[in-house]
């Protein structure tokens, strides 16, 4: 978690993170190439 631009979104993210952590669920963020993402439509 880097710098905070939108505090309300950071709070939601923290809640999701803690919910997952309490249940031993590991989440990862990844980048999808725009071209690959559009081809799924």
PDB file of N, CA and C in Angstrom:
ATOM      1  N   UNK A   1       0.838  -1.171   0.000  1.00  0.00           N
ATOM      2  CA  UNK A   1       0.000   0.000   0.000  1.00  0.00           C
ATOM      3  C   UNK A   1       0.887   1.239   0.000  1.00  0.00           C
ATOM      4  N   UNK A   2       0.756   2.017  -1.014  1.00  0.00           N
ATOM      5  CA  UNK A   2       1.586   3.200  -1.154  1.00  0.00           C
ATOM      6  C   UNK A   2       0.937   4.436  -0.557  1.00  0.00           C
ATOM      7  N   UNK A   3       1.180   5.563  -1.175  1.00  0.00           N
ATOM      8  CA  UNK A   3       0.609   6.809  -0.676  1.00  0.00           C
ATOM      9  C   UNK A   3      -0.903   6.818  -0.900  1.00  0.00           C
ATOM     10  N   UNK A   4      -1.589   7.627  -0.114  1.00  0.00           N
ATOM     11  CA  UNK A   4      -3.049   7.647  -0.164  1.00  0.00           C
ATOM     12  C   UNK A   4      -3.525   8.875  -0.914  1.00  0.00           C
ATOM     13  N   UNK A   5      -4.227   8.647  -2.009  1.00  0.00           N
ATOM     14  CA  UNK A   5      -4.800   9.757  -2.762  1.00  0.00           C
ATOM     15  C   UNK A   5      -6.274   9.918  -2.410  1.00  0.00           C
ATOM     16  N   UNK A   6      -6.984   8.787  -2.269  1.00  0.00           N
ATOM     17  CA  UNK A   6      -8.401   8.796  -1.927  1.00  0.00           C
ATOM     18  C   UNK A   6      -8.581   8.005  -0.637  1.00  0.00           C
ATOM     19  N   UNK A   7      -8.740   8.727   0.462  1.00  0.00           N
ATOM     20  CA  UNK A   7      -8.773   8.097   1.770  1.00  0.00           C
ATOM     21  C   UNK A   7      -9.898   7.064   1.895  1.00  0.00           C
ATOM     22  N   UNK A   8     -11.077   7.349   1.349  1.00  0.00           N
ATOM     23  CA  UNK A   8     -12.197   6.414   1.472  1.00  0.00           C
ATOM     24  C   UNK A   8     -11.913   5.098   0.745  1.00  0.00           C
ATOM     25  N   UNK A   9     -11.224   5.152  -0.386  1.00  0.00           N
ATOM     26  CA  UNK A   9     -10.874   3.920  -1.100  1.00  0.00           C
ATOM     27  C   UNK A   9      -9.802   3.147  -0.346  1.00  0.00           C
ATOM     28  N   UNK A  10      -8.890   3.867   0.280  1.00  0.00           N
ATOM     29  CA  UNK A  10      -7.867   3.211   1.087  1.00  0.00           C
ATOM     30  C   UNK A  10      -8.506   2.480   2.268  1.00  0.00           C
ATOM     31  N   UNK A  11      -9.518   3.086   2.878  1.00  0.00           N
ATOM     32  CA  UNK A  11     -10.211   2.451   4.003  1.00  0.00           C
ATOM     33  C   UNK A  11     -10.914   1.163   3.566  1.00  0.00           C
ATOM     34  N   UNK A  12     -11.562   1.194   2.407  1.00  0.00           N
ATOM     35  CA  UNK A  12     -12.228  -0.007   1.887  1.00  0.00           C
ATOM     36  C   UNK A  12     -11.204  -1.089   1.592  1.00  0.00           C
ATOM     37  N   UNK A  13     -10.098  -0.701   0.980  1.00  0.00           N
ATOM     38  CA  UNK A  13      -9.034  -1.649   0.660  1.00  0.00           C
ATOM     39  C   UNK A  13      -8.483  -2.298   1.922  1.00  0.00           C
ATOM     40  N   UNK A  14      -8.287  -1.506   2.960  1.00  0.00           N
ATOM     41  CA  UNK A  14      -7.776  -2.022   4.225  1.00  0.00           C
ATOM     42  C   UNK A  14      -8.758  -3.018   4.843  1.00  0.00           C
ATOM     43  N   UNK A  15     -10.054  -2.730   4.761  1.00  0.00           N
ATOM     44  CA  UNK A  15     -11.071  -3.638   5.294  1.00  0.00           C
ATOM     45  C   UNK A  15     -11.059  -4.970   4.545  1.00  0.00           C
ATOM     46  N   UNK A  16     -10.955  -4.913   3.227  1.00  0.00           N
ATOM     47  CA  UNK A  16     -10.895  -6.140   2.422  1.00  0.00           C
ATOM     48  C   UNK A  16      -9.642  -6.931   2.783  1.00  0.00           C
ATOM     49  N   UNK A  17      -8.514  -6.227   2.890  1.00  0.00           N
ATOM     50  CA  UNK A  17      -7.243  -6.870   3.220  1.00  0.00           C
ATOM     51  C   UNK A  17      -7.331  -7.596   4.561  1.00  0.00           C
ATOM     52  N   UNK A  18      -7.885  -6.909   5.578  1.00  0.00           N
ATOM     53  CA  UNK A  18      -7.998  -7.503   6.907  1.00  0.00           C
ATOM     54  C   UNK A  18      -8.970  -8.679   6.916  1.00  0.00           C
ATOM     55  N   UNK A  19     -10.075  -8.573   6.173  1.00  0.00           N
ATOM     56  CA  UNK A  19     -11.048  -9.668   6.070  1.00  0.00           C
ATOM     57  C   UNK A  19     -10.366 -10.911   5.502  1.00  0.00           C
ATOM     58  N   UNK A  20      -9.614 -10.734   4.430  1.00  0.00           N
ATOM     59  CA  UNK A  20      -8.904 -11.852   3.811  1.00  0.00           C
ATOM     60  C   UNK A  20      -7.833 -12.408   4.753  1.00  0.00           C
ATOM     61  N   UNK A  21      -7.087 -11.522   5.376  1.00  0.00           N
ATOM     62  CA  UNK A  21      -6.018 -11.944   6.269  1.00  0.00           C
ATOM     63  C   UNK A  21      -6.568 -12.801   7.421  1.00  0.00           C
ATOM     64  N   UNK A  22      -7.700 -12.408   7.984  1.00  0.00           N
ATOM     65  CA  UNK A  22      -8.316 -13.157   9.081  1.00  0.00           C
ATOM     66  C   UNK A  22      -8.773 -14.553   8.657  1.00  0.00           C
ATOM     67  N   UNK A  23      -8.987 -14.744   7.367  1.00  0.00           N
ATOM     68  CA  UNK A  23      -9.448 -16.024   6.834  1.00  0.00           C
ATOM     69  C   UNK A  23      -8.342 -16.773   6.091  1.00  0.00           C
ATOM     70  N   UNK A  24      -7.111 -16.271   6.223  1.00  0.00           N
ATOM     71  CA  UNK A  24      -5.941 -16.876   5.568  1.00  0.00           C
ATOM     72  C   UNK A  24      -6.131 -16.970   4.057  1.00  0.00           C
ATOM     73  N   UNK A  25      -6.705 -15.906   3.488  1.00  0.00           N
ATOM     74  CA  UNK A  25      -6.881 -15.791   2.040  1.00  0.00           C
ATOM     75  C   UNK A  25      -5.844 -14.775   1.552  1.00  0.00           C
ATOM     76  N   UNK A  26      -5.099 -15.144   0.531  1.00  0.00           N
ATOM     77  CA  UNK A  26      -4.063 -14.266   0.008  1.00  0.00           C
ATOM     78  C   UNK A  26      -4.505 -13.702  -1.333  1.00  0.00           C
ATOM     79  N   UNK A  27      -4.458 -12.392  -1.465  1.00  0.00           N
ATOM     80  CA  UNK A  27      -4.872 -11.735  -2.699  1.00  0.00           C
ATOM     81  C   UNK A  27      -3.660 -11.062  -3.340  1.00  0.00           C
ATOM     82  N   UNK A  28      -3.693 -10.977  -4.660  1.00  0.00           N
ATOM     83  CA  UNK A  28      -2.612 -10.343  -5.401  1.00  0.00           C
ATOM     84  C   UNK A  28      -3.209  -9.439  -6.467  1.00  0.00           C
ATOM     85  N   UNK A  29      -2.580  -8.334  -6.683  1.00  0.00           N
ATOM     86  CA  UNK A  29      -2.985  -7.429  -7.757  1.00  0.00           C
ATOM     87  C   UNK A  29      -2.081  -7.683  -8.959  1.00  0.00           C
ATOM     88  N   UNK A  30      -2.661  -7.662 -10.143  1.00  0.00           N
ATOM     89  CA  UNK A  30      -1.848  -7.818 -11.342  1.00  0.00           C
ATOM     90  C   UNK A  30      -2.363  -6.893 -12.429  1.00  0.00           C
ATOM     91  N   UNK A  31      -1.494  -6.586 -13.346  1.00  0.00           N
ATOM     92  CA  UNK A  31      -1.829  -5.687 -14.444  1.00  0.00           C
ATOM     93  C   UNK A  31      -2.197  -6.511 -15.672  1.00  0.00           C
ATOM     94  N   UNK A  32      -3.296  -6.137 -16.324  1.00  0.00           N
ATOM     95  CA  UNK A  32      -3.699  -6.799 -17.563  1.00  0.00           C
ATOM     96  C   UNK A  32      -3.474  -5.807 -18.692  1.00  0.00           C
ATOM     97  N   UNK A  33      -2.746  -6.235 -19.706  1.00  0.00           N
ATOM     98  CA  UNK A  33      -2.484  -5.400 -20.867  1.00  0.00           C
ATOM     99  C   UNK A  33      -3.819  -4.940 -21.458  1.00  0.00           C
ATOM    100  N   UNK A  34      -3.927  -3.664 -21.790  1.00  0.00           N
ATOM    101  CA  UNK A  34      -5.175  -3.103 -22.316  1.00  0.00           C
ATOM    102  C   UNK A  34      -5.660  -3.873 -23.538  1.00  0.00           C
ATOM    103  N   UNK A  35      -4.773  -4.220 -24.419  1.00  0.00           N
ATOM    104  CA  UNK A  35      -5.158  -4.943 -25.628  1.00  0.00           C
ATOM    105  C   UNK A  35      -5.749  -6.307 -25.285  1.00  0.00           C
ATOM    106  N   UNK A  36      -5.130  -7.005 -24.347  1.00  0.00           N
ATOM    107  CA  UNK A  36      -5.636  -8.308 -23.923  1.00  0.00           C
ATOM    108  C   UNK A  36      -6.981  -8.167 -23.224  1.00  0.00           C
ATOM    109  N   UNK A  37      -7.140  -7.137 -22.439  1.00  0.00           N
ATOM    110  CA  UNK A  37      -8.366  -6.926 -21.695  1.00  0.00           C
ATOM    111  C   UNK A  37      -9.523  -6.611 -22.650  1.00  0.00           C
ATOM    112  N   UNK A  38      -9.281  -5.797 -23.669  1.00  0.00           N
ATOM    113  CA  UNK A  38     -10.328  -5.444 -24.626  1.00  0.00           C
ATOM    114  C   UNK A  38     -10.725  -6.622 -25.498  1.00  0.00           C
ATOM    115  N   UNK A  39      -9.812  -7.547 -25.727  1.00  0.00           N
ATOM    116  CA  UNK A  39     -10.121  -8.689 -26.597  1.00  0.00           C
ATOM    117  C   UNK A  39     -11.086  -9.654 -25.918  1.00  0.00           C
ATOM    118  N   UNK A  40     -11.321  -9.488 -24.619  1.00  0.00           N
ATOM    119  CA  UNK A  40     -12.222 -10.376 -23.902  1.00  0.00           C
ATOM    120  C   UNK A  40     -13.683  -9.973 -24.095  1.00  0.00           C
ATOM    121  N   UNK A  41     -13.953  -8.788 -24.671  1.00  0.00           N
ATOM    122  CA  UNK A  41     -15.328  -8.308 -24.844  1.00  0.00           C
ATOM    123  C   UNK A  41     -16.078  -9.074 -25.901  1.00  0.00           C
TER     124      UNK A  41
END
